[in-house]
Amino acid sequence: MENEPLIDEALKTELSALYHAGDRHYHSLAHIEAMLALAEEYRRLLHDPDAVEAAIWFHDAIYDSRAKDNEAKSADLAEKKLAERAKPDRIARIAAMINATATHQLPPLDDEHAASDAALFLDMDLAILGAAPDAFDAYEKAVRREYGWVEEPMWRAGRAAVLKSFLARPHIFHTEPFRRRFEARARENLGRSLQALQRKP
């Protein structure tokens, strides 16, 4: 059981189909691939890189912009699909990482290695915030399309609240490598986006 890969080609194919849904403009396979590339780049810092890879593959598997329980449902799916592939404590760590993407606060993990991996995983998920301005703007447009059903005034208010909550944190990123690389640019991007949302349409 422990020798088998957590995510094999068959599971990748199954999950890829979910990420190809027509209503996914940002939470698509491209987002997963970008996170996998970061996981590879920072692999030397990960204690259980395969568990982080599994969390990446599953974390947006269930995505409905009208729902409030996407993360919980994605974590449930991971637990179900990985039940025969890993020990329960390892699956629980993966589920904890997935659930943490609901708030991007660190999950309560006693094991310091698991906590470190979770911090890096959450930072990989938010790396787009610190991308170059054109890539960040494309991300913002894609998220807006996913919430196309929300009327503009409601969207502006809701999105502004989300951006303000990130800007109010002492650090957007949990780990030192990601703070050094992305924090300053992320604050610039979020501040610029917030100004645009607060302008009169």
Protein backbone atom coordinates (compact mmCIF):
# COMPACT_ATOMS: atom_id res chain seq x y z
CA MET A 1 0.00 0.00 0.00
CA GLU A 2 2.67 2.50 1.04
CA ASN A 3 4.83 1.70 -2.00
CA GLU A 4 2.16 2.63 -4.52
CA PRO A 5 2.07 6.25 -5.67
CA LEU A 6 -0.65 8.31 -4.05
CA ILE A 7 -1.53 9.82 -7.41
CA ASP A 8 -1.11 7.46 -10.34
CA GLU A 9 -1.86 8.11 -14.00
CA ALA A 10 -5.40 6.76 -13.76
CA LEU A 11 -6.23 9.09 -10.88
CA LYS A 12 -4.60 12.04 -12.68
CA THR A 13 -6.83 11.32 -15.68
CA GLU A 14 -9.93 11.12 -13.48
CA LEU A 15 -9.13 14.37 -11.65
CA SER A 16 -8.06 16.18 -14.83
CA ALA A 17 -11.57 15.63 -16.21
CA LEU A 18 -13.00 17.53 -13.22
CA TYR A 19 -10.60 20.43 -13.80
CA HIS A 20 -11.64 20.65 -17.45
CA ALA A 21 -15.24 21.61 -16.59
CA GLY A 22 -16.46 24.52 -18.70
CA ASP A 23 -17.18 26.84 -15.76
CA ARG A 24 -13.57 26.75 -14.53
CA HIS A 25 -11.69 29.80 -15.74
CA TYR A 26 -9.05 29.96 -13.02
CA HIS A 27 -9.57 26.82 -10.89
CA SER A 28 -8.54 24.66 -13.81
CA LEU A 29 -5.76 22.22 -14.66
CA ALA A 30 -3.44 25.17 -15.37
CA HIS A 31 -3.69 26.18 -11.68
CA ILE A 32 -2.88 22.61 -10.60
CA GLU A 33 0.09 22.47 -12.99
CA ALA A 34 1.42 25.80 -11.70
CA MET A 35 1.26 24.49 -8.12
CA LEU A 36 2.91 21.20 -9.10
CA ALA A 37 5.74 23.17 -10.69
CA LEU A 38 6.23 25.12 -7.44
CA ALA A 39 6.12 21.87 -5.45
CA GLU A 40 8.90 20.52 -7.65
CA GLU A 41 10.90 23.74 -7.29
CA TYR A 42 10.64 23.63 -3.48
CA ARG A 43 10.74 19.84 -3.19
CA ARG A 44 13.88 19.94 -1.02
CA LEU A 45 11.87 21.76 1.68
CA LEU A 46 9.01 19.24 1.71
CA HIS A 47 8.97 16.37 4.20
CA ASP A 48 6.28 14.38 2.36
CA PRO A 49 6.28 15.70 -1.20
CA ASP A 50 3.89 12.99 -2.41
CA ALA A 51 1.29 13.99 0.19
CA VAL A 52 1.64 17.63 -0.90
CA GLU A 53 1.25 16.55 -4.53
CA ALA A 54 -1.93 14.69 -3.59
CA ALA A 55 -3.29 17.73 -1.75
CA ILE A 56 -2.57 19.86 -4.83
CA TRP A 57 -4.40 17.46 -7.14
CA PHE A 58 -7.46 17.22 -4.90
CA HIS A 59 -7.76 20.69 -3.34
CA ASP A 60 -10.05 22.19 -6.02
CA ALA A 61 -11.42 18.90 -7.38
CA ILE A 62 -14.92 19.93 -6.30
CA TYR A 63 -15.56 23.52 -7.32
CA ASP A 64 -18.87 25.34 -7.54
CA SER A 65 -18.68 29.12 -7.15
CA ARG A 66 -22.19 29.12 -5.63
CA ALA A 67 -21.26 26.62 -2.89
CA LYS A 68 -19.61 27.17 0.49
CA ASP A 69 -18.34 23.65 1.08
CA ASN A 70 -16.05 23.02 -1.91
CA GLU A 71 -12.98 22.45 0.27
CA ALA A 72 -14.76 19.99 2.58
CA LYS A 73 -16.15 18.07 -0.40
CA SER A 74 -12.72 18.01 -2.07
CA ALA A 75 -11.17 16.71 1.16
CA ASP A 76 -13.88 14.03 1.38
CA LEU A 77 -13.14 12.97 -2.19
CA ALA A 78 -9.42 12.72 -1.37
CA GLU A 79 -10.16 10.59 1.69
CA LYS A 80 -12.33 8.26 -0.39
CA LYS A 81 -9.96 7.92 -3.35
CA LEU A 82 -6.80 7.55 -1.24
CA ALA A 83 -8.27 5.12 1.33
CA GLU A 84 -6.51 2.12 -0.20
CA ARG A 85 -3.29 3.98 -0.96
CA ALA A 86 -2.11 5.43 2.36
CA LYS A 87 -2.36 5.07 6.11
CA PRO A 88 -5.18 6.97 7.85
CA ASP A 89 -2.88 9.52 9.53
CA ARG A 90 -1.31 10.43 6.18
CA ILE A 91 -4.72 10.79 4.56
CA ALA A 92 -5.82 12.96 7.49
CA ARG A 93 -2.84 15.28 6.88
CA ILE A 94 -3.77 15.59 3.21
CA ALA A 95 -7.40 16.32 4.10
CA ALA A 96 -6.28 18.95 6.64
CA MET A 97 -4.23 20.73 3.96
CA ILE A 98 -7.18 20.73 1.55
CA ASN A 99 -9.62 22.02 4.19
CA ALA A 100 -7.17 24.79 5.11
CA THR A 101 -7.56 26.34 1.64
CA ALA A 102 -10.98 27.58 2.76
CA THR A 103 -9.34 30.25 4.94
CA HIS A 104 -5.61 29.95 4.12
CA GLN A 105 -4.92 29.79 7.83
CA LEU A 106 -2.53 27.08 8.99
CA PRO A 107 -4.36 23.89 9.97
CA PRO A 108 -3.93 22.57 13.53
CA LEU A 109 -1.29 19.88 12.96
CA ASP A 110 0.77 18.59 15.88
CA ASP A 111 3.55 17.20 13.72
CA GLU A 112 5.98 20.02 12.84
CA HIS A 113 6.95 18.39 9.53
CA ALA A 114 3.29 18.16 8.51
CA ALA A 115 2.73 21.78 9.60
CA SER A 116 5.72 22.91 7.54
CA ASP A 117 4.42 21.07 4.47
CA ALA A 118 0.95 22.58 4.96
CA ALA A 119 2.43 26.08 5.15
CA LEU A 120 4.33 25.59 1.89
CA PHE A 121 1.25 24.06 0.23
CA LEU A 122 -0.93 27.05 1.19
CA ASP A 123 1.73 29.45 -0.07
CA MET A 124 1.89 27.63 -3.41
CA ASP A 125 -1.89 28.04 -3.73
CA LEU A 126 -1.58 31.82 -3.21
CA ALA A 127 1.56 32.36 -5.30
CA ILE A 128 -0.59 33.86 -8.09
CA LEU A 129 -1.19 36.88 -5.82
CA GLY A 130 2.50 37.71 -6.15
CA ALA A 131 2.70 37.13 -9.90
CA ALA A 132 3.67 39.76 -12.45
CA PRO A 133 0.89 42.37 -12.86
CA ASP A 134 -0.37 41.05 -16.20
CA ALA A 135 -0.61 37.46 -14.87
CA PHE A 136 -2.34 38.70 -11.72
CA ASP A 137 -4.82 40.74 -13.78
CA ALA A 138 -5.59 37.68 -15.92
CA TYR A 139 -6.22 35.71 -12.71
CA GLU A 140 -8.59 38.40 -11.43
CA LYS A 141 -10.54 38.38 -14.71
CA ALA A 142 -10.74 34.58 -14.65
CA VAL A 143 -12.09 34.54 -11.07
CA ARG A 144 -14.65 37.19 -12.03
CA ARG A 145 -15.84 34.96 -14.88
CA GLU A 146 -16.28 32.08 -12.43
CA TYR A 147 -18.56 34.36 -10.43
CA GLY A 148 -20.34 35.68 -13.51
CA TRP A 149 -23.69 35.07 -11.83
CA VAL A 150 -22.91 37.68 -9.13
CA GLU A 151 -24.11 41.20 -9.94
CA GLU A 152 -21.37 43.83 -10.17
CA PRO A 153 -22.08 45.80 -6.94
CA MET A 154 -22.20 42.57 -4.91
CA TRP A 155 -19.04 41.33 -6.60
CA ARG A 156 -17.14 44.53 -5.87
CA ALA A 157 -18.15 44.50 -2.20
CA GLY A 158 -17.44 40.82 -1.69
CA ARG A 159 -14.14 40.76 -3.54
CA ALA A 160 -12.95 43.94 -1.81
CA ALA A 161 -13.64 42.30 1.55
CA VAL A 162 -11.55 39.27 0.59
CA LEU A 163 -8.64 41.41 -0.60
CA LYS A 164 -8.79 43.60 2.53
CA SER A 165 -8.66 40.51 4.75
CA PHE A 166 -5.44 39.38 3.05
CA LEU A 167 -3.88 42.83 3.22
CA ALA A 168 -4.74 43.07 6.93
CA ARG A 169 -2.67 39.98 7.75
CA PRO A 170 0.85 40.54 9.11
CA HIS A 171 2.01 38.25 6.27
CA ILE A 172 0.08 36.93 3.28
CA PHE A 173 2.53 34.02 2.98
CA HIS A 174 3.35 31.62 5.80
CA THR A 175 6.93 30.69 4.83
CA GLU A 176 10.09 32.73 4.55
CA PRO A 177 10.98 31.64 0.97
CA PHE A 178 7.55 32.66 -0.34
CA ARG A 179 7.54 35.92 1.61
CA ARG A 180 10.88 36.88 0.10
CA ARG A 181 9.74 35.99 -3.39
CA PHE A 182 6.07 37.03 -3.48
CA GLU A 183 4.97 39.16 -0.50
CA ALA A 184 5.87 42.65 -1.77
CA ARG A 185 4.42 42.06 -5.24
CA ALA A 186 1.29 40.44 -3.78
CA ARG A 187 0.61 43.52 -1.63
CA GLU A 188 1.08 45.78 -4.66
CA ASN A 189 -1.27 43.64 -6.78
CA LEU A 190 -3.95 43.41 -4.09
CA GLY A 191 -3.76 47.12 -3.34
CA ARG A 192 -4.12 47.96 -7.02
CA SER A 193 -7.05 45.58 -7.41
CA LEU A 194 -8.74 46.96 -4.32
CA GLN A 195 -8.47 50.53 -5.65
CA ALA A 196 -10.08 49.43 -8.92
CA LEU A 197 -12.93 47.72 -7.07
CA GLN A 198 -13.58 50.78 -4.94
CA ARG A 199 -13.74 53.18 -7.87
CA LYS A 200 -17.19 54.09 -9.05
CA PRO A 201 -18.10 51.84 -12.00
